[in-house]
PDB file of N, CA and C in Angstrom:
ATOM      1  N   MET A   1       0.852  -1.180   0.000  1.00  0.00           N
ATOM      2  CA  MET A   1       0.000   0.000   0.000  1.00  0.00           C
ATOM      3  C   MET A   1       0.893   1.237   0.000  1.00  0.00           C
ATOM      4  N   GLU A   2       0.522   2.162  -0.832  1.00  0.00           N
ATOM      5  CA  GLU A   2       1.318   3.377  -0.947  1.00  0.00           C
ATOM      6  C   GLU A   2       0.979   4.346   0.181  1.00  0.00           C
ATOM      7  N   SER A   3       1.963   5.151   0.539  1.00  0.00           N
ATOM      8  CA  SER A   3       1.761   6.148   1.586  1.00  0.00           C
ATOM      9  C   SER A   3       1.160   7.415   1.004  1.00  0.00           C
ATOM     10  N   THR A   4       0.643   8.239   1.876  1.00  0.00           N
ATOM     11  CA  THR A   4       0.068   9.514   1.458  1.00  0.00           C
ATOM     12  C   THR A   4       1.110  10.363   0.746  1.00  0.00           C
ATOM     13  N   LEU A   5       2.314  10.338   1.255  1.00  0.00           N
ATOM     14  CA  LEU A   5       3.390  11.110   0.622  1.00  0.00           C
ATOM     15  C   LEU A   5       3.667  10.617  -0.791  1.00  0.00           C
ATOM     16  N   THR A   6       3.601   9.301  -0.992  1.00  0.00           N
ATOM     17  CA  THR A   6       3.803   8.738  -2.331  1.00  0.00           C
ATOM     18  C   THR A   6       2.697   9.184  -3.266  1.00  0.00           C
ATOM     19  N   TYR A   7       1.447   9.144  -2.786  1.00  0.00           N
ATOM     20  CA  TYR A   7       0.326   9.624  -3.607  1.00  0.00           C
ATOM     21  C   TYR A   7       0.522  11.085  -3.984  1.00  0.00           C
ATOM     22  N   LEU A   8       0.922  11.885  -3.010  1.00  0.00           N
ATOM     23  CA  LEU A   8       1.143  13.311  -3.260  1.00  0.00           C
ATOM     24  C   LEU A   8       2.209  13.503  -4.331  1.00  0.00           C
ATOM     25  N   GLN A   9       3.305  12.795  -4.201  1.00  0.00           N
ATOM     26  CA  GLN A   9       4.411  12.927  -5.165  1.00  0.00           C
ATOM     27  C   GLN A   9       3.964  12.494  -6.559  1.00  0.00           C
ATOM     28  N   ARG A  10       3.251  11.387  -6.642  1.00  0.00           N
ATOM     29  CA  ARG A  10       2.787  10.922  -7.955  1.00  0.00           C
ATOM     30  C   ARG A  10       1.808  11.909  -8.575  1.00  0.00           C
ATOM     31  N   LEU A  11       0.905  12.453  -7.760  1.00  0.00           N
ATOM     32  CA  LEU A  11      -0.053  13.430  -8.290  1.00  0.00           C
ATOM     33  C   LEU A  11       0.646  14.683  -8.799  1.00  0.00           C
ATOM     34  N   THR A  12       1.612  15.172  -8.049  1.00  0.00           N
ATOM     35  CA  THR A  12       2.320  16.372  -8.511  1.00  0.00           C
ATOM     36  C   THR A  12       3.099  16.070  -9.785  1.00  0.00           C
ATOM     37  N   ASP A  13       3.719  14.909  -9.848  1.00  0.00           N
ATOM     38  CA  ASP A  13       4.485  14.528 -11.041  1.00  0.00           C
ATOM     39  C   ASP A  13       3.586  14.328 -12.258  1.00  0.00           C
ATOM     40  N   GLU A  14       2.491  13.583 -12.062  1.00  0.00           N
ATOM     41  CA  GLU A  14       1.647  13.198 -13.195  1.00  0.00           C
ATOM     42  C   GLU A  14       0.694  14.297 -13.655  1.00  0.00           C
ATOM     43  N   THR A  15       0.333  15.206 -12.769  1.00  0.00           N
ATOM     44  CA  THR A  15      -0.563  16.300 -13.167  1.00  0.00           C
ATOM     45  C   THR A  15       0.202  17.576 -13.494  1.00  0.00           C
ATOM     46  N   HIS A  16       1.489  17.579 -13.169  1.00  0.00           N
ATOM     47  CA  HIS A  16       2.341  18.754 -13.393  1.00  0.00           C
ATOM     48  C   HIS A  16       1.811  19.982 -12.650  1.00  0.00           C
ATOM     49  N   LYS A  17       1.250  19.722 -11.459  1.00  0.00           N
ATOM     50  CA  LYS A  17       0.752  20.810 -10.625  1.00  0.00           C
ATOM     51  C   LYS A  17       1.659  20.943  -9.416  1.00  0.00           C
ATOM     52  N   PRO A  18       1.791  22.152  -8.893  1.00  0.00           N
ATOM     53  CA  PRO A  18       2.605  22.337  -7.694  1.00  0.00           C
ATOM     54  C   PRO A  18       1.998  21.601  -6.494  1.00  0.00           C
ATOM     55  N   GLU A  19       2.851  21.214  -5.578  1.00  0.00           N
ATOM     56  CA  GLU A  19       2.405  20.482  -4.389  1.00  0.00           C
ATOM     57  C   GLU A  19       1.326  21.246  -3.635  1.00  0.00           C
ATOM     58  N   ALA A  20       1.479  22.559  -3.523  1.00  0.00           N
ATOM     59  CA  ALA A  20       0.497  23.365  -2.791  1.00  0.00           C
ATOM     60  C   ALA A  20      -0.885  23.273  -3.443  1.00  0.00           C
ATOM     61  N   GLU A  21      -0.930  23.259  -4.763  1.00  0.00           N
ATOM     62  CA  GLU A  21      -2.213  23.164  -5.465  1.00  0.00           C
ATOM     63  C   GLU A  21      -2.841  21.788  -5.255  1.00  0.00           C
ATOM     64  N   VAL A  22      -2.028  20.737  -5.331  1.00  0.00           N
ATOM     65  CA  VAL A  22      -2.540  19.384  -5.109  1.00  0.00           C
ATOM     66  C   VAL A  22      -3.062  19.255  -3.678  1.00  0.00           C
ATOM     67  N   LEU A  23      -2.344  19.795  -2.712  1.00  0.00           N
ATOM     68  CA  LEU A  23      -2.796  19.746  -1.320  1.00  0.00           C
ATOM     69  C   LEU A  23      -4.100  20.525  -1.137  1.00  0.00           C
ATOM     70  N   THR A  24      -4.223  21.659  -1.793  1.00  0.00           N
ATOM     71  CA  THR A  24      -5.454  22.446  -1.721  1.00  0.00           C
ATOM     72  C   THR A  24      -6.627  21.670  -2.297  1.00  0.00           C
ATOM     73  N   LEU A  25      -6.408  21.041  -3.460  1.00  0.00           N
ATOM     74  CA  LEU A  25      -7.470  20.240  -4.076  1.00  0.00           C
ATOM     75  C   LEU A  25      -7.860  19.059  -3.190  1.00  0.00           C
ATOM     76  N   ALA A  26      -6.871  18.426  -2.578  1.00  0.00           N
ATOM     77  CA  ALA A  26      -7.148  17.293  -1.684  1.00  0.00           C
ATOM     78  C   ALA A  26      -7.937  17.751  -0.465  1.00  0.00           C
ATOM     79  N   PHE A  27      -7.568  18.880   0.086  1.00  0.00           N
ATOM     80  CA  PHE A  27      -8.284  19.419   1.241  1.00  0.00           C
ATOM     81  C   PHE A  27      -9.737  19.727   0.874  1.00  0.00           C
ATOM     82  N   GLN A  28      -9.936  20.374  -0.270  1.00  0.00           N
ATOM     83  CA  GLN A  28     -11.284  20.708  -0.712  1.00  0.00           C
ATOM     84  C   GLN A  28     -12.116  19.459  -0.948  1.00  0.00           C
ATOM     85  N   ALA A  29     -11.532  18.449  -1.584  1.00  0.00           N
ATOM     86  CA  ALA A  29     -12.248  17.198  -1.839  1.00  0.00           C
ATOM     87  C   ALA A  29     -12.611  16.509  -0.528  1.00  0.00           C
ATOM     88  N   GLY A  30     -11.697  16.521   0.421  1.00  0.00           N
ATOM     89  CA  GLY A  30     -11.947  15.902   1.714  1.00  0.00           C
ATOM     90  C   GLY A  30     -13.058  16.603   2.476  1.00  0.00           C
ATOM     91  N   ILE A  31     -13.049  17.910   2.456  1.00  0.00           N
ATOM     92  CA  ILE A  31     -14.102  18.680   3.139  1.00  0.00           C
ATOM     93  C   ILE A  31     -15.457  18.404   2.501  1.00  0.00           C
ATOM     94  N   ARG A  32     -15.508  18.362   1.162  1.00  0.00           N
ATOM     95  CA  ARG A  32     -16.768  18.050   0.470  1.00  0.00           C
ATOM     96  C   ARG A  32     -17.277  16.675   0.875  1.00  0.00           C
ATOM     97  N   GLN A  33     -16.374  15.695   0.942  1.00  0.00           N
ATOM     98  CA  GLN A  33     -16.770  14.335   1.320  1.00  0.00           C
ATOM     99  C   GLN A  33     -17.283  14.295   2.760  1.00  0.00           C
ATOM    100  N   LEU A  34     -16.585  14.963   3.654  1.00  0.00           N
ATOM    101  CA  LEU A  34     -17.034  15.011   5.050  1.00  0.00           C
ATOM    102  C   LEU A  34     -18.403  15.671   5.154  1.00  0.00           C
ATOM    103  N   TRP A  35     -18.630  16.723   4.379  1.00  0.00           N
ATOM    104  CA  TRP A  35     -19.920  17.407   4.392  1.00  0.00           C
ATOM    105  C   TRP A  35     -21.025  16.471   3.916  1.00  0.00           C
ATOM    106  N   ARG A  36     -20.766  15.759   2.813  1.00  0.00           N
ATOM    107  CA  ARG A  36     -21.765  14.815   2.300  1.00  0.00           C
ATOM    108  C   ARG A  36     -22.116  13.768   3.352  1.00  0.00           C
ATOM    109  N   GLU A  37     -21.094  13.199   3.976  1.00  0.00           N
ATOM    110  CA  GLU A  37     -21.317  12.179   4.999  1.00  0.00           C
ATOM    111  C   GLU A  37     -22.108  12.750   6.178  1.00  0.00           C
ATOM    112  N   HIS A  38     -21.802  13.971   6.555  1.00  0.00           N
ATOM    113  CA  HIS A  38     -22.515  14.632   7.648  1.00  0.00           C
ATOM    114  C   HIS A  38     -23.996  14.816   7.305  1.00  0.00           C
ATOM    115  N   VAL A  39     -24.261  15.339   6.122  1.00  0.00           N
ATOM    116  CA  VAL A  39     -25.644  15.583   5.703  1.00  0.00           C
ATOM    117  C   VAL A  39     -26.404  14.272   5.592  1.00  0.00           C
ATOM    118  N   LEU A  40     -25.797  13.266   4.968  1.00  0.00           N
ATOM    119  CA  LEU A  40     -26.484  11.993   4.806  1.00  0.00           C
ATOM    120  C   LEU A  40     -26.734  11.318   6.151  1.00  0.00           C
ATOM    121  N   GLY A  41     -25.802  11.438   7.076  1.00  0.00           N
ATOM    122  CA  GLY A  41     -26.012  10.914   8.422  1.00  0.00           C
ATOM    123  C   GLY A  41     -27.180  11.596   9.104  1.00  0.00           C
ATOM    124  N   ARG A  42     -27.244  12.906   8.984  1.00  0.00           N
ATOM    125  CA  ARG A  42     -28.362  13.648   9.577  1.00  0.00           C
ATOM    126  C   ARG A  42     -29.685  13.231   8.937  1.00  0.00           C
ATOM    127  N   TYR A  43     -29.670  13.017   7.620  1.00  0.00           N
ATOM    128  CA  TYR A  43     -30.893  12.583   6.936  1.00  0.00           C
ATOM    129  C   TYR A  43     -31.332  11.206   7.439  1.00  0.00           C
ATOM    130  N   LEU A  44     -30.398  10.273   7.530  1.00  0.00           N
ATOM    131  CA  LEU A  44     -30.746   8.919   7.970  1.00  0.00           C
ATOM    132  C   LEU A  44     -31.169   8.874   9.431  1.00  0.00           C
ATOM    133  N   ARG A  45     -30.755   9.870  10.213  1.00  0.00           N
ATOM    134  CA  ARG A  45     -31.202   9.982  11.612  1.00  0.00           C
ATOM    135  C   ARG A  45     -32.474  10.831  11.737  1.00  0.00           C
ATOM    136  N   HIS A  46     -33.030  11.210  10.592  1.00  0.00           N
ATOM    137  CA  HIS A  46     -34.274  12.004  10.528  1.00  0.00           C
ATOM    138  C   HIS A  46     -34.109  13.392  11.147  1.00  0.00           C
ATOM    139  N   GLU A  47     -32.925  13.951  11.025  1.00  0.00           N
ATOM    140  CA  GLU A  47     -32.673  15.300  11.539  1.00  0.00           C
ATOM    141  C   GLU A  47     -32.909  16.365  10.476  1.00  0.00           C
ATOM    142  N   VAL A  48     -32.870  15.960   9.215  1.00  0.00           N
ATOM    143  CA  VAL A  48     -33.203  16.856   8.103  1.00  0.00           C
ATOM    144  C   VAL A  48     -34.112  16.086   7.153  1.00  0.00           C
ATOM    145  N   SER A  49     -34.886  16.820   6.392  1.00  0.00           N
ATOM    146  CA  SER A  49     -35.815  16.186   5.460  1.00  0.00           C
ATOM    147  C   SER A  49     -35.073  15.650   4.240  1.00  0.00           C
ATOM    148  N   ARG A  50     -35.761  14.800   3.511  1.00  0.00           N
ATOM    149  CA  ARG A  50     -35.196  14.265   2.272  1.00  0.00           C
ATOM    150  C   ARG A  50     -34.908  15.401   1.296  1.00  0.00           C
ATOM    151  N   GLU A  51     -35.821  16.347   1.227  1.00  0.00           N
ATOM    152  CA  GLU A  51     -35.640  17.475   0.314  1.00  0.00           C
ATOM    153  C   GLU A  51     -34.408  18.293   0.682  1.00  0.00           C
ATOM    154  N   GLU A  52     -34.210  18.508   1.980  1.00  0.00           N
ATOM    155  CA  GLU A  52     -33.024  19.259   2.422  1.00  0.00           C
ATOM    156  C   GLU A  52     -31.747  18.498   2.079  1.00  0.00           C
ATOM    157  N   ALA A  53     -31.757  17.188   2.274  1.00  0.00           N
ATOM    158  CA  ALA A  53     -30.586  16.375   1.954  1.00  0.00           C
ATOM    159  C   ALA A  53     -30.301  16.408   0.459  1.00  0.00           C
ATOM    160  N   ILE A  54     -31.351  16.290  -0.348  1.00  0.00           N
ATOM    161  CA  ILE A  54     -31.166  16.344  -1.810  1.00  0.00           C
ATOM    162  C   ILE A  54     -30.604  17.691  -2.218  1.00  0.00           C
ATOM    163  N   GLU A  55     -31.106  18.751  -1.630  1.00  0.00           N
ATOM    164  CA  GLU A  55     -30.611  20.090  -1.952  1.00  0.00           C
ATOM    165  C   GLU A  55     -29.130  20.228  -1.585  1.00  0.00           C
ATOM    166  N   ALA A  56     -28.733  19.612  -0.480  1.00  0.00           N
ATOM    167  CA  ALA A  56     -27.357  19.759   0.005  1.00  0.00           C
ATOM    168  C   ALA A  56     -26.361  18.869  -0.725  1.00  0.00           C
ATOM    169  N   VAL A  57     -26.764  17.617  -1.055  1.00  0.00           N
ATOM    170  CA  VAL A  57     -25.775  16.690  -1.618  1.00  0.00           C
ATOM    171  C   VAL A  57     -26.176  16.066  -2.945  1.00  0.00           C
ATOM    172  N   GLY A  58     -27.419  16.259  -3.347  1.00  0.00           N
ATOM    173  CA  GLY A  58     -27.862  15.733  -4.632  1.00  0.00           C
ATOM    174  C   GLY A  58     -28.706  14.477  -4.501  1.00  0.00           C
ATOM    175  N   PHE A  59     -29.559  14.298  -5.475  1.00  0.00           N
ATOM    176  CA  PHE A  59     -30.507  13.188  -5.503  1.00  0.00           C
ATOM    177  C   PHE A  59     -29.807  11.833  -5.500  1.00  0.00           C
ATOM    178  N   ASP A  60     -28.788  11.679  -6.346  1.00  0.00           N
ATOM    179  CA  ASP A  60     -28.115  10.390  -6.479  1.00  0.00           C
ATOM    180  C   ASP A  60     -27.510   9.914  -5.170  1.00  0.00           C
ATOM    181  N   LEU A  61     -26.868  10.798  -4.433  1.00  0.00           N
ATOM    182  CA  LEU A  61     -26.251  10.400  -3.172  1.00  0.00           C
ATOM    183  C   LEU A  61     -27.293  10.062  -2.113  1.00  0.00           C
ATOM    184  N   VAL A  62     -28.407  10.778  -2.106  1.00  0.00           N
ATOM    185  CA  VAL A  62     -29.472  10.464  -1.155  1.00  0.00           C
ATOM    186  C   VAL A  62     -30.057   9.091  -1.481  1.00  0.00           C
ATOM    187  N   GLU A  63     -30.298   8.828  -2.743  1.00  0.00           N
ATOM    188  CA  GLU A  63     -30.823   7.511  -3.125  1.00  0.00           C
ATOM    189  C   GLU A  63     -29.843   6.401  -2.778  1.00  0.00           C
ATOM    190  N   LEU A  64     -28.571   6.609  -3.025  1.00  0.00           N
ATOM    191  CA  LEU A  64     -27.556   5.614  -2.679  1.00  0.00           C
ATOM    192  C   LEU A  64     -27.543   5.356  -1.178  1.00  0.00           C
ATOM    193  N   ALA A  65     -27.592   6.405  -0.388  1.00  0.00           N
ATOM    194  CA  ALA A  65     -27.609   6.259   1.072  1.00  0.00           C
ATOM    195  C   ALA A  65     -28.846   5.491   1.519  1.00  0.00           C
ATOM    196  N   GLU A  66     -29.982   5.767   0.902  1.00  0.00           N
ATOM    197  CA  GLU A  66     -31.212   5.047   1.245  1.00  0.00           C
ATOM    198  C   GLU A  66     -31.082   3.558   0.939  1.00  0.00           C
ATOM    199  N   ARG A  67     -30.550   3.240  -0.243  1.00  0.00           N
ATOM    200  CA  ARG A  67     -30.380   1.828  -0.619  1.00  0.00           C
ATOM    201  C   ARG A  67     -29.396   1.123   0.311  1.00  0.00           C
ATOM    202  N   GLN A  68     -28.296   1.788   0.631  1.00  0.00           N
ATOM    203  CA  GLN A  68     -27.312   1.187   1.532  1.00  0.00           C
ATOM    204  C   GLN A  68     -27.904   0.981   2.924  1.00  0.00           C
ATOM    205  N   HIS A  69     -28.642   1.966   3.402  1.00  0.00           N
ATOM    206  CA  HIS A  69     -29.271   1.869   4.714  1.00  0.00           C
ATOM    207  C   HIS A  69     -30.274   0.716   4.735  1.00  0.00           C
ATOM    208  N   GLN A  70     -31.061   0.602   3.687  1.00  0.00           N
ATOM    209  CA  GLN A  70     -32.041  -0.483   3.600  1.00  0.00           C
ATOM    210  C   GLN A  70     -31.335  -1.839   3.595  1.00  0.00           C
ATOM    211  N   ALA A  71     -30.241  -1.955   2.885  1.00  0.00           N
ATOM    212  CA  ALA A  71     -29.499  -3.219   2.835  1.00  0.00           C
ATOM    213  C   ALA A  71     -28.961  -3.587   4.214  1.00  0.00           C
ATOM    214  N   VAL A  72     -28.441  -2.614   4.928  1.00  0.00           N
ATOM    215  CA  VAL A  72     -27.945  -2.867   6.284  1.00  0.00           C
ATOM    216  C   VAL A  72     -29.084  -3.311   7.187  1.00  0.00           C
ATOM    217  N   MET A  73     -30.219  -2.635   7.101  1.00  0.00           N
ATOM    218  CA  MET A  73     -31.359  -2.997   7.941  1.00  0.00           C
ATOM    219  C   MET A  73     -31.847  -4.414   7.624  1.00  0.00           C
ATOM    220  N   GLU A  74     -31.843  -4.786   6.347  1.00  0.00           N
ATOM    221  CA  GLU A  74     -32.230  -6.145   5.972  1.00  0.00           C
ATOM    222  C   GLU A  74     -31.242  -7.167   6.521  1.00  0.00           C
ATOM    223  N   ASP A  75     -29.958  -6.857   6.488  1.00  0.00           N
ATOM    224  CA  ASP A  75     -28.946  -7.757   7.038  1.00  0.00           C
ATOM    225  C   ASP A  75     -29.126  -7.914   8.542  1.00  0.00           C
ATOM    226  N   ILE A  76     -29.418  -6.832   9.218  1.00  0.00           N
ATOM    227  CA  ILE A  76     -29.636  -6.895  10.667  1.00  0.00           C
ATOM    228  C   ILE A  76     -30.859  -7.748  10.986  1.00  0.00           C
ATOM    229  N   GLU A  77     -31.926  -7.519  10.240  1.00  0.00           N
ATOM    230  CA  GLU A  77     -33.153  -8.294  10.421  1.00  0.00           C
ATOM    231  C   GLU A  77     -32.873  -9.785  10.202  1.00  0.00           C
ATOM    232  N   TRP A  78     -32.138 -10.097   9.149  1.00  0.00           N
ATOM    233  CA  TRP A  78     -31.805 -11.486   8.861  1.00  0.00           C
ATOM    234  C   TRP A  78     -30.995 -12.084  10.006  1.00  0.00           C
ATOM    235  N   ALA A  79     -30.005 -11.344  10.497  1.00  0.00           N
ATOM    236  CA  ALA A  79     -29.131 -11.840  11.572  1.00  0.00           C
ATOM    237  C   ALA A  79     -29.900 -12.083  12.858  1.00  0.00           C
ATOM    238  N   LEU A  80     -30.865 -11.246  13.135  1.00  0.00           N
ATOM    239  CA  LEU A  80     -31.651 -11.391  14.360  1.00  0.00           C
ATOM    240  C   LEU A  80     -32.560 -12.623  14.320  1.00  0.00           C
ATOM    241  N   HIS A  81     -32.921 -13.033  13.111  1.00  0.00           N
ATOM    242  CA  HIS A  81     -33.850 -14.155  12.984  1.00  0.00           C
ATOM    243  C   HIS A  81     -33.167 -15.417  12.449  1.00  0.00           C
ATOM    244  N   ALA A  82     -31.871 -15.392  12.347  1.00  0.00           N
ATOM    245  CA  ALA A  82     -31.146 -16.567  11.832  1.00  0.00           C
ATOM    246  C   ALA A  82     -30.900 -17.581  12.917  1.00  0.00           C
TER     247      ALA A  82
END
């Protein structure tokens, strides 16, 4: 498994972008991902409406979260009755 430093070096080499720019892009991508996870978690805990979640992260991600949540709930149900 490659280290974070190796990924950084390869990205700077292969994209021909300065390290600072690659780090900025990585930070922005990470923050966006954390935000999506936060919003979807709040939606699945019924803290925000479906419409609010869709507005914040998009329809596709809300649908994916719903399907994943349903699959987990089905697995739990199966395990409890197995």
